[in-house]
Amino acid sequence: MTRHCPAMQRALLTVTIALGMLPLAAPRLTAQSSPVTAKEAWVREAPTGRKVTAVFLRLENSGATERHLVRGATEVADTLELHEMKREGGMMRMSPVPRITVPAHGEVMLRPGGLHLMLFGLRRPLVAGDTIRVSLTLDDGTRLEVPAEVRSMMGRMP
């Protein structure tokens, strides 16, 4: 049909070009353009047989608008969840949270006993000295690619 109808060919070509240009027109939010940065990331060592561990880091926001960490992923685990530890009824309890707020012109620390990232379904042992990559997504669509050093927990409280 398009072989015999020049108007249809032009319309199809126009739509194809317009659709192809959409990614160029969309704003790209990258770690380089984001006021939020991730620093001092590390992950707790996970020996063979252990399928769960945690990631800790510092998120800094140099911008005038608070941002929220809303999800993450890594190739070394099936699932990455945002979590917090809270004292309830005299006991520490861990639970997932929907987001982690990074205040405007401020920072948030993800550390043992507080906010942190949980990795579930580890696909391999994580040995001290290794480095893994964690991808973090903010509420504005920005993705931060973060290297996290695996640290030994020998002699430390879990």
N, C-alpha and C. Protein backbone atom coordinates (compact mmCIF):
# COMPACT_ATOMS: atom_id res chain seq x y z
N MET A 1 0.81 -1.18 0.00
CA MET A 1 0.00 0.00 0.00
C MET A 1 0.87 1.26 0.00
N THR A 2 1.94 1.31 0.80
CA THR A 2 2.78 2.49 0.85
C THR A 2 3.57 2.69 -0.43
N ARG A 3 3.75 1.62 -1.22
CA ARG A 3 4.45 1.72 -2.49
C ARG A 3 3.69 2.60 -3.48
N HIS A 4 2.38 2.56 -3.37
CA HIS A 4 1.54 3.25 -4.34
C HIS A 4 0.99 4.58 -3.83
N CYS A 5 1.32 4.96 -2.61
CA CYS A 5 0.73 6.17 -2.04
C CYS A 5 1.84 7.07 -1.48
N PRO A 6 2.34 8.02 -2.27
CA PRO A 6 3.42 8.90 -1.80
C PRO A 6 3.07 9.68 -0.55
N ALA A 7 1.81 10.09 -0.39
CA ALA A 7 1.41 10.82 0.81
C ALA A 7 1.55 9.94 2.05
N MET A 8 1.19 8.68 1.94
CA MET A 8 1.31 7.74 3.04
C MET A 8 2.78 7.50 3.37
N GLN A 9 3.64 7.41 2.35
CA GLN A 9 5.07 7.23 2.57
C GLN A 9 5.65 8.42 3.33
N ARG A 10 5.26 9.64 2.93
CA ARG A 10 5.76 10.85 3.61
C ARG A 10 5.29 10.88 5.07
N ALA A 11 4.03 10.52 5.30
CA ALA A 11 3.49 10.53 6.66
C ALA A 11 4.22 9.50 7.53
N LEU A 12 4.45 8.32 7.00
CA LEU A 12 5.15 7.28 7.73
C LEU A 12 6.58 7.71 8.04
N LEU A 13 7.26 8.33 7.06
CA LEU A 13 8.61 8.82 7.27
C LEU A 13 8.63 9.92 8.34
N THR A 14 7.68 10.82 8.32
CA THR A 14 7.61 11.90 9.31
C THR A 14 7.42 11.34 10.72
N VAL A 15 6.52 10.37 10.88
CA VAL A 15 6.28 9.75 12.19
C VAL A 15 7.52 9.01 12.66
N THR A 16 8.17 8.28 11.77
CA THR A 16 9.38 7.54 12.13
C THR A 16 10.48 8.48 12.61
N ILE A 17 10.69 9.58 11.90
CA ILE A 17 11.72 10.55 12.30
C ILE A 17 11.36 11.17 13.63
N ALA A 18 10.10 11.55 13.82
CA ALA A 18 9.66 12.18 15.07
C ALA A 18 9.86 11.24 16.25
N LEU A 19 9.47 9.99 16.09
CA LEU A 19 9.65 9.02 17.17
C LEU A 19 11.13 8.78 17.47
N GLY A 20 11.94 8.77 16.44
CA GLY A 20 13.38 8.57 16.63
C GLY A 20 14.04 9.72 17.36
N MET A 21 13.46 10.91 17.31
CA MET A 21 14.05 12.07 17.96
C MET A 21 13.61 12.23 19.41
N LEU A 22 12.58 11.49 19.85
CA LEU A 22 12.10 11.64 21.22
C LEU A 22 13.19 11.47 22.27
N PRO A 23 14.03 10.44 22.20
CA PRO A 23 15.07 10.32 23.22
C PRO A 23 16.01 11.53 23.23
N LEU A 24 16.22 12.19 22.10
CA LEU A 24 17.10 13.35 22.07
C LEU A 24 16.47 14.54 22.75
N ALA A 25 15.14 14.65 22.70
CA ALA A 25 14.45 15.78 23.29
C ALA A 25 14.20 15.60 24.78
N ALA A 26 14.15 14.36 25.25
CA ALA A 26 13.87 14.10 26.66
C ALA A 26 15.07 14.52 27.51
N PRO A 27 14.82 15.12 28.68
CA PRO A 27 15.94 15.51 29.54
C PRO A 27 16.65 14.27 30.07
N ARG A 28 17.94 14.32 30.11
CA ARG A 28 18.70 13.21 30.63
C ARG A 28 19.21 13.57 32.01
N LEU A 29 18.84 12.77 32.98
CA LEU A 29 19.27 13.01 34.34
C LEU A 29 20.34 12.00 34.67
N THR A 30 21.54 12.47 34.81
CA THR A 30 22.66 11.59 35.09
C THR A 30 23.32 12.01 36.38
N ALA A 31 24.17 11.16 36.87
CA ALA A 31 24.90 11.47 38.09
C ALA A 31 25.74 12.73 37.90
N GLN A 32 26.24 12.98 36.66
CA GLN A 32 27.07 14.15 36.42
C GLN A 32 26.27 15.44 36.57
N SER A 33 24.96 15.43 36.25
CA SER A 33 24.16 16.64 36.33
C SER A 33 23.34 16.71 37.61
N SER A 34 23.38 15.69 38.43
CA SER A 34 22.59 15.64 39.64
C SER A 34 23.33 16.31 40.80
N PRO A 35 22.58 17.02 41.65
CA PRO A 35 23.20 17.57 42.85
C PRO A 35 23.42 16.51 43.93
N VAL A 36 22.88 15.30 43.73
CA VAL A 36 23.04 14.23 44.71
C VAL A 36 24.23 13.35 44.31
N THR A 37 25.11 13.11 45.27
CA THR A 37 26.26 12.24 45.04
C THR A 37 26.31 11.17 46.13
N ALA A 38 26.90 10.05 45.79
CA ALA A 38 27.08 8.94 46.73
C ALA A 38 28.56 8.81 47.04
N LYS A 39 28.89 8.67 48.32
CA LYS A 39 30.29 8.58 48.74
C LYS A 39 30.46 7.48 49.77
N GLU A 40 31.70 7.01 49.86
CA GLU A 40 32.11 6.07 50.92
C GLU A 40 31.26 4.81 50.97
N ALA A 41 30.86 4.30 49.81
CA ALA A 41 30.01 3.11 49.77
C ALA A 41 30.81 1.85 50.09
N TRP A 42 30.22 1.00 50.89
CA TRP A 42 30.82 -0.29 51.20
C TRP A 42 29.72 -1.31 51.46
N VAL A 43 30.09 -2.57 51.28
CA VAL A 43 29.15 -3.68 51.47
C VAL A 43 29.77 -4.68 52.43
N ARG A 44 28.93 -5.25 53.26
CA ARG A 44 29.38 -6.23 54.25
C ARG A 44 29.70 -7.55 53.55
N GLU A 45 30.85 -8.11 53.88
CA GLU A 45 31.29 -9.39 53.30
C GLU A 45 30.21 -10.46 53.51
N ALA A 46 30.03 -11.32 52.49
CA ALA A 46 29.04 -12.40 52.56
C ALA A 46 29.70 -13.69 52.08
N PRO A 47 30.07 -14.55 53.03
CA PRO A 47 30.75 -15.79 52.65
C PRO A 47 29.81 -16.76 51.92
N THR A 48 30.39 -17.82 51.37
CA THR A 48 29.63 -18.85 50.67
C THR A 48 28.48 -19.32 51.54
N GLY A 49 27.30 -19.44 50.95
CA GLY A 49 26.12 -19.92 51.66
C GLY A 49 25.26 -18.81 52.22
N ARG A 50 25.83 -17.65 52.41
CA ARG A 50 25.03 -16.52 52.92
C ARG A 50 24.41 -15.79 51.74
N LYS A 51 23.11 -15.60 51.74
CA LYS A 51 22.39 -15.02 50.61
C LYS A 51 21.91 -13.59 50.87
N VAL A 52 22.32 -13.01 52.01
CA VAL A 52 21.86 -11.68 52.39
C VAL A 52 23.04 -10.87 52.90
N THR A 53 23.08 -9.59 52.56
CA THR A 53 24.06 -8.67 53.13
C THR A 53 23.52 -7.25 53.03
N ALA A 54 24.31 -6.28 53.44
CA ALA A 54 23.86 -4.89 53.45
C ALA A 54 24.91 -3.97 52.84
N VAL A 55 24.43 -2.86 52.28
CA VAL A 55 25.28 -1.82 51.68
C VAL A 55 25.07 -0.54 52.49
N PHE A 56 26.19 0.16 52.72
CA PHE A 56 26.16 1.40 53.49
C PHE A 56 26.89 2.48 52.68
N LEU A 57 26.46 3.73 52.83
CA LEU A 57 27.08 4.83 52.09
C LEU A 57 26.57 6.16 52.62
N ARG A 58 27.14 7.23 52.08
CA ARG A 58 26.69 8.58 52.41
C ARG A 58 26.14 9.21 51.14
N LEU A 59 24.93 9.78 51.21
CA LEU A 59 24.33 10.50 50.10
C LEU A 59 24.35 11.99 50.44
N GLU A 60 24.94 12.80 49.57
CA GLU A 60 25.01 14.24 49.76
C GLU A 60 24.17 14.93 48.69
N ASN A 61 23.48 16.00 49.09
CA ASN A 61 22.65 16.77 48.17
C ASN A 61 23.08 18.23 48.23
N SER A 62 23.70 18.72 47.17
CA SER A 62 24.13 20.12 47.11
C SER A 62 23.04 21.02 46.54
N GLY A 63 21.90 20.43 46.17
CA GLY A 63 20.81 21.19 45.55
C GLY A 63 19.86 21.82 46.56
N ALA A 64 18.98 22.67 46.06
CA ALA A 64 18.03 23.40 46.89
C ALA A 64 16.72 22.63 47.09
N THR A 65 16.61 21.44 46.49
CA THR A 65 15.40 20.63 46.61
C THR A 65 15.75 19.29 47.21
N GLU A 66 14.96 18.85 48.23
CA GLU A 66 15.23 17.52 48.77
C GLU A 66 14.95 16.48 47.70
N ARG A 67 15.70 15.41 47.72
CA ARG A 67 15.53 14.30 46.79
C ARG A 67 15.25 13.06 47.61
N HIS A 68 14.74 12.04 46.94
CA HIS A 68 14.44 10.78 47.62
C HIS A 68 15.04 9.63 46.84
N LEU A 69 15.77 8.78 47.53
CA LEU A 69 16.23 7.53 46.96
C LEU A 69 15.02 6.61 46.97
N VAL A 70 14.63 6.08 45.80
CA VAL A 70 13.40 5.29 45.73
C VAL A 70 13.62 3.82 45.37
N ARG A 71 14.77 3.49 44.78
CA ARG A 71 15.05 2.08 44.47
C ARG A 71 16.51 1.91 44.08
N GLY A 72 16.90 0.66 43.98
CA GLY A 72 18.25 0.35 43.58
C GLY A 72 18.32 -1.06 43.01
N ALA A 73 19.47 -1.36 42.45
CA ALA A 73 19.69 -2.69 41.88
C ALA A 73 21.18 -2.97 41.83
N THR A 74 21.53 -4.23 41.75
CA THR A 74 22.91 -4.65 41.57
C THR A 74 22.91 -6.01 40.89
N GLU A 75 23.96 -6.28 40.13
CA GLU A 75 24.05 -7.56 39.43
C GLU A 75 24.38 -8.72 40.37
N VAL A 76 24.84 -8.43 41.59
CA VAL A 76 25.26 -9.50 42.49
C VAL A 76 24.12 -10.06 43.33
N ALA A 77 22.91 -9.47 43.23
CA ALA A 77 21.78 -9.94 44.05
C ALA A 77 20.49 -9.88 43.25
N ASP A 78 19.55 -10.71 43.65
CA ASP A 78 18.24 -10.71 43.01
C ASP A 78 17.45 -9.44 43.33
N THR A 79 17.58 -8.96 44.56
CA THR A 79 16.77 -7.83 45.03
C THR A 79 17.61 -6.89 45.88
N LEU A 80 17.36 -5.59 45.71
CA LEU A 80 17.92 -4.57 46.58
C LEU A 80 16.74 -3.82 47.18
N GLU A 81 16.68 -3.74 48.52
CA GLU A 81 15.60 -3.04 49.21
C GLU A 81 16.16 -1.95 50.10
N LEU A 82 15.40 -0.87 50.24
CA LEU A 82 15.73 0.21 51.17
C LEU A 82 15.20 -0.21 52.54
N HIS A 83 16.05 -0.11 53.58
CA HIS A 83 15.66 -0.58 54.92
C HIS A 83 16.10 0.40 56.00
N GLU A 84 15.51 0.21 57.17
CA GLU A 84 15.94 0.94 58.36
C GLU A 84 15.87 0.03 59.57
N MET A 85 16.70 0.33 60.54
CA MET A 85 16.66 -0.33 61.84
C MET A 85 16.07 0.68 62.81
N LYS A 86 15.09 0.23 63.62
CA LYS A 86 14.49 1.09 64.64
C LYS A 86 14.32 0.31 65.93
N ARG A 87 14.43 1.04 67.02
CA ARG A 87 14.18 0.42 68.33
C ARG A 87 12.68 0.48 68.59
N GLU A 88 12.08 -0.70 68.78
CA GLU A 88 10.66 -0.80 69.09
C GLU A 88 10.49 -1.77 70.26
N GLY A 89 9.87 -1.29 71.32
CA GLY A 89 9.64 -2.15 72.48
C GLY A 89 10.93 -2.71 73.06
N GLY A 90 11.99 -1.93 73.04
CA GLY A 90 13.26 -2.37 73.61
C GLY A 90 14.08 -3.27 72.69
N MET A 91 13.59 -3.52 71.49
CA MET A 91 14.33 -4.38 70.56
C MET A 91 14.56 -3.64 69.26
N MET A 92 15.66 -3.96 68.60
CA MET A 92 15.94 -3.39 67.28
C MET A 92 15.21 -4.23 66.24
N ARG A 93 14.50 -3.54 65.34
CA ARG A 93 13.76 -4.22 64.28
C ARG A 93 14.14 -3.60 62.94
N MET A 94 14.28 -4.48 61.95
CA MET A 94 14.58 -4.02 60.60
C MET A 94 13.30 -4.10 59.78
N SER A 95 13.08 -3.05 58.97
CA SER A 95 11.90 -3.06 58.09
C SER A 95 12.19 -2.26 56.83
N PRO A 96 11.52 -2.63 55.73
CA PRO A 96 11.70 -1.87 54.48
C PRO A 96 11.05 -0.49 54.59
N VAL A 97 11.58 0.46 53.83
CA VAL A 97 11.02 1.80 53.74
C VAL A 97 10.79 2.11 52.26
N PRO A 98 9.79 2.94 51.93
CA PRO A 98 9.51 3.22 50.53
C PRO A 98 10.52 4.16 49.88
N ARG A 99 11.19 4.98 50.70
CA ARG A 99 12.17 5.94 50.17
C ARG A 99 13.08 6.40 51.31
N ILE A 100 14.21 6.95 50.89
CA ILE A 100 15.16 7.55 51.84
C ILE A 100 15.35 8.99 51.41
N THR A 101 15.03 9.93 52.30
CA THR A 101 15.10 11.35 51.98
C THR A 101 16.53 11.87 52.12
N VAL A 102 16.96 12.62 51.09
CA VAL A 102 18.25 13.30 51.11
C VAL A 102 17.91 14.79 51.16
N PRO A 103 18.09 15.44 52.33
CA PRO A 103 17.64 16.82 52.47
C PRO A 103 18.40 17.79 51.56
N ALA A 104 17.71 18.88 51.20
CA ALA A 104 18.35 19.94 50.41
C ALA A 104 19.55 20.47 51.18
N HIS A 105 20.65 20.68 50.49
CA HIS A 105 21.90 21.17 51.10
C HIS A 105 22.29 20.34 52.32
N GLY A 106 22.07 19.03 52.24
CA GLY A 106 22.37 18.17 53.38
C GLY A 106 22.83 16.80 52.94
N GLU A 107 22.83 15.88 53.89
CA GLU A 107 23.26 14.52 53.62
C GLU A 107 22.49 13.55 54.49
N VAL A 108 22.54 12.30 54.09
CA VAL A 108 21.98 11.21 54.89
C VAL A 108 23.00 10.09 54.89
N MET A 109 23.21 9.50 56.07
CA MET A 109 24.15 8.40 56.21
C MET A 109 23.38 7.09 56.25
N LEU A 110 23.78 6.15 55.42
CA LEU A 110 23.25 4.80 55.48
C LEU A 110 24.33 3.98 56.17
N ARG A 111 24.02 3.50 57.39
CA ARG A 111 25.04 2.84 58.21
C ARG A 111 24.43 1.72 59.04
N PRO A 112 25.28 0.84 59.55
CA PRO A 112 24.77 -0.24 60.41
C PRO A 112 23.95 0.34 61.57
N GLY A 113 22.82 -0.26 61.85
CA GLY A 113 21.96 0.20 62.94
C GLY A 113 21.02 1.32 62.56
N GLY A 114 21.00 1.71 61.29
CA GLY A 114 20.13 2.80 60.83
C GLY A 114 19.60 2.50 59.44
N LEU A 115 19.51 3.52 58.63
CA LEU A 115 19.12 3.34 57.23
C LEU A 115 20.21 2.57 56.50
N HIS A 116 19.83 1.69 55.58
CA HIS A 116 20.80 0.92 54.81
C HIS A 116 20.10 0.28 53.62
N LEU A 117 20.87 -0.35 52.76
CA LEU A 117 20.36 -1.08 51.61
C LEU A 117 20.57 -2.57 51.85
N MET A 118 19.52 -3.36 51.71
CA MET A 118 19.64 -4.80 51.88
C MET A 118 19.71 -5.47 50.52
N LEU A 119 20.64 -6.42 50.40
CA LEU A 119 20.76 -7.25 49.20
C LEU A 119 20.27 -8.64 49.55
N PHE A 120 19.28 -9.12 48.81
CA PHE A 120 18.72 -10.45 49.01
C PHE A 120 18.97 -11.30 47.79
N GLY A 121 19.22 -12.60 48.02
CA GLY A 121 19.44 -13.53 46.92
C GLY A 121 20.79 -13.31 46.26
N LEU A 122 21.84 -13.23 47.09
CA LEU A 122 23.19 -13.05 46.53
C LEU A 122 23.49 -14.17 45.55
N ARG A 123 24.07 -13.80 44.43
CA ARG A 123 24.36 -14.76 43.37
C ARG A 123 25.75 -15.35 43.47
N ARG A 124 26.57 -14.78 44.36
CA ARG A 124 27.92 -15.30 44.58
C ARG A 124 28.42 -14.79 45.92
N PRO A 125 29.45 -15.43 46.47
CA PRO A 125 30.03 -14.91 47.71
C PRO A 125 30.65 -13.53 47.45
N LEU A 126 30.60 -12.66 48.45
CA LEU A 126 31.25 -11.35 48.37
C LEU A 126 32.42 -11.37 49.33
N VAL A 127 33.62 -11.25 48.78
CA VAL A 127 34.86 -11.41 49.53
C VAL A 127 35.51 -10.05 49.76
N ALA A 128 36.01 -9.86 50.97
CA ALA A 128 36.68 -8.60 51.32
C ALA A 128 37.72 -8.26 50.26
N GLY A 129 37.71 -7.00 49.84
CA GLY A 129 38.63 -6.54 48.80
C GLY A 129 37.98 -6.43 47.43
N ASP A 130 36.88 -7.18 47.22
CA ASP A 130 36.14 -7.06 45.97
C ASP A 130 35.43 -5.71 45.91
N THR A 131 34.98 -5.34 44.73
CA THR A 131 34.14 -4.16 44.56
C THR A 131 32.93 -4.57 43.73
N ILE A 132 31.76 -4.16 44.19
CA ILE A 132 30.53 -4.41 43.42
C ILE A 132 30.01 -3.06 42.93
N ARG A 133 29.09 -3.10 41.97
CA ARG A 133 28.45 -1.88 41.46
C ARG A 133 26.99 -1.90 41.90
N VAL A 134 26.54 -0.75 42.40
CA VAL A 134 25.16 -0.59 42.82
C VAL A 134 24.58 0.58 42.02
N SER A 135 23.39 0.39 41.47
CA SER A 135 22.71 1.44 40.73
C SER A 135 21.57 1.96 41.61
N LEU A 136 21.58 3.26 41.91
CA LEU A 136 20.56 3.88 42.76
C LEU A 136 19.72 4.83 41.92
N THR A 137 18.41 4.81 42.14
CA THR A 137 17.50 5.67 41.39
C THR A 137 16.81 6.64 42.34
N LEU A 138 16.86 7.94 41.98
CA LEU A 138 16.21 8.98 42.77
C LEU A 138 14.82 9.26 42.22
N ASP A 139 14.02 9.98 42.99
CA ASP A 139 12.64 10.28 42.62
C ASP A 139 12.51 11.10 41.35
N ASP A 140 13.56 11.82 40.95
CA ASP A 140 13.50 12.60 39.71
C ASP A 140 14.01 11.82 38.50
N GLY A 141 14.29 10.53 38.69
CA GLY A 141 14.76 9.69 37.60
C GLY A 141 16.27 9.59 37.49
N THR A 142 17.00 10.38 38.25
CA THR A 142 18.46 10.32 38.22
C THR A 142 18.92 8.95 38.67
N ARG A 143 19.92 8.42 37.96
CA ARG A 143 20.54 7.15 38.37
C ARG A 143 21.98 7.39 38.75
N LEU A 144 22.35 6.92 39.91
CA LEU A 144 23.72 7.01 40.39
C LEU A 144 24.34 5.61 40.31
N GLU A 145 25.45 5.48 39.62
CA GLU A 145 26.19 4.21 39.55
C GLU A 145 27.30 4.29 40.59
N VAL A 146 27.24 3.42 41.58
CA VAL A 146 28.09 3.54 42.76
C VAL A 146 28.95 2.29 42.94
N PRO A 147 30.27 2.44 42.99
CA PRO A 147 31.12 1.30 43.37
C PRO A 147 31.10 1.15 44.89
N ALA A 148 31.01 -0.08 45.36
CA ALA A 148 31.00 -0.35 46.80
C ALA A 148 32.04 -1.43 47.12
N GLU A 149 32.97 -1.08 47.98
CA GLU A 149 34.03 -2.02 48.38
C GLU A 149 33.47 -3.03 49.38
N VAL A 150 33.81 -4.30 49.19
CA VAL A 150 33.41 -5.34 50.13
C VAL A 150 34.40 -5.31 51.29
N ARG A 151 33.86 -5.21 52.51
CA ARG A 151 34.69 -5.16 53.72
C ARG A 151 34.42 -6.35 54.61
N SER A 152 35.49 -6.83 55.23
CA SER A 152 35.39 -7.93 56.18
C SER A 152 34.71 -7.46 57.45
N MET A 153 33.93 -8.34 58.04
CA MET A 153 33.27 -8.00 59.29
C MET A 153 33.90 -8.74 60.48
N MET A 154 35.06 -9.32 60.26
CA MET A 154 35.76 -10.04 61.35
C MET A 154 36.02 -9.07 62.49
N GLY A 155 35.65 -9.46 63.69
CA GLY A 155 35.90 -8.64 64.87
C GLY A 155 34.94 -7.49 65.03
N ARG A 156 33.92 -7.40 64.20
CA ARG A 156 32.92 -6.32 64.31
C ARG A 156 31.56 -6.91 64.63
N MET A 157 30.74 -6.12 65.27
CA MET A 157 29.37 -6.54 65.54
C MET A 157 28.60 -6.55 64.22
N PRO A 158 27.74 -7.55 63.97
CA PRO A 158 26.97 -7.61 62.73
C PRO A 158 25.95 -6.50 62.61
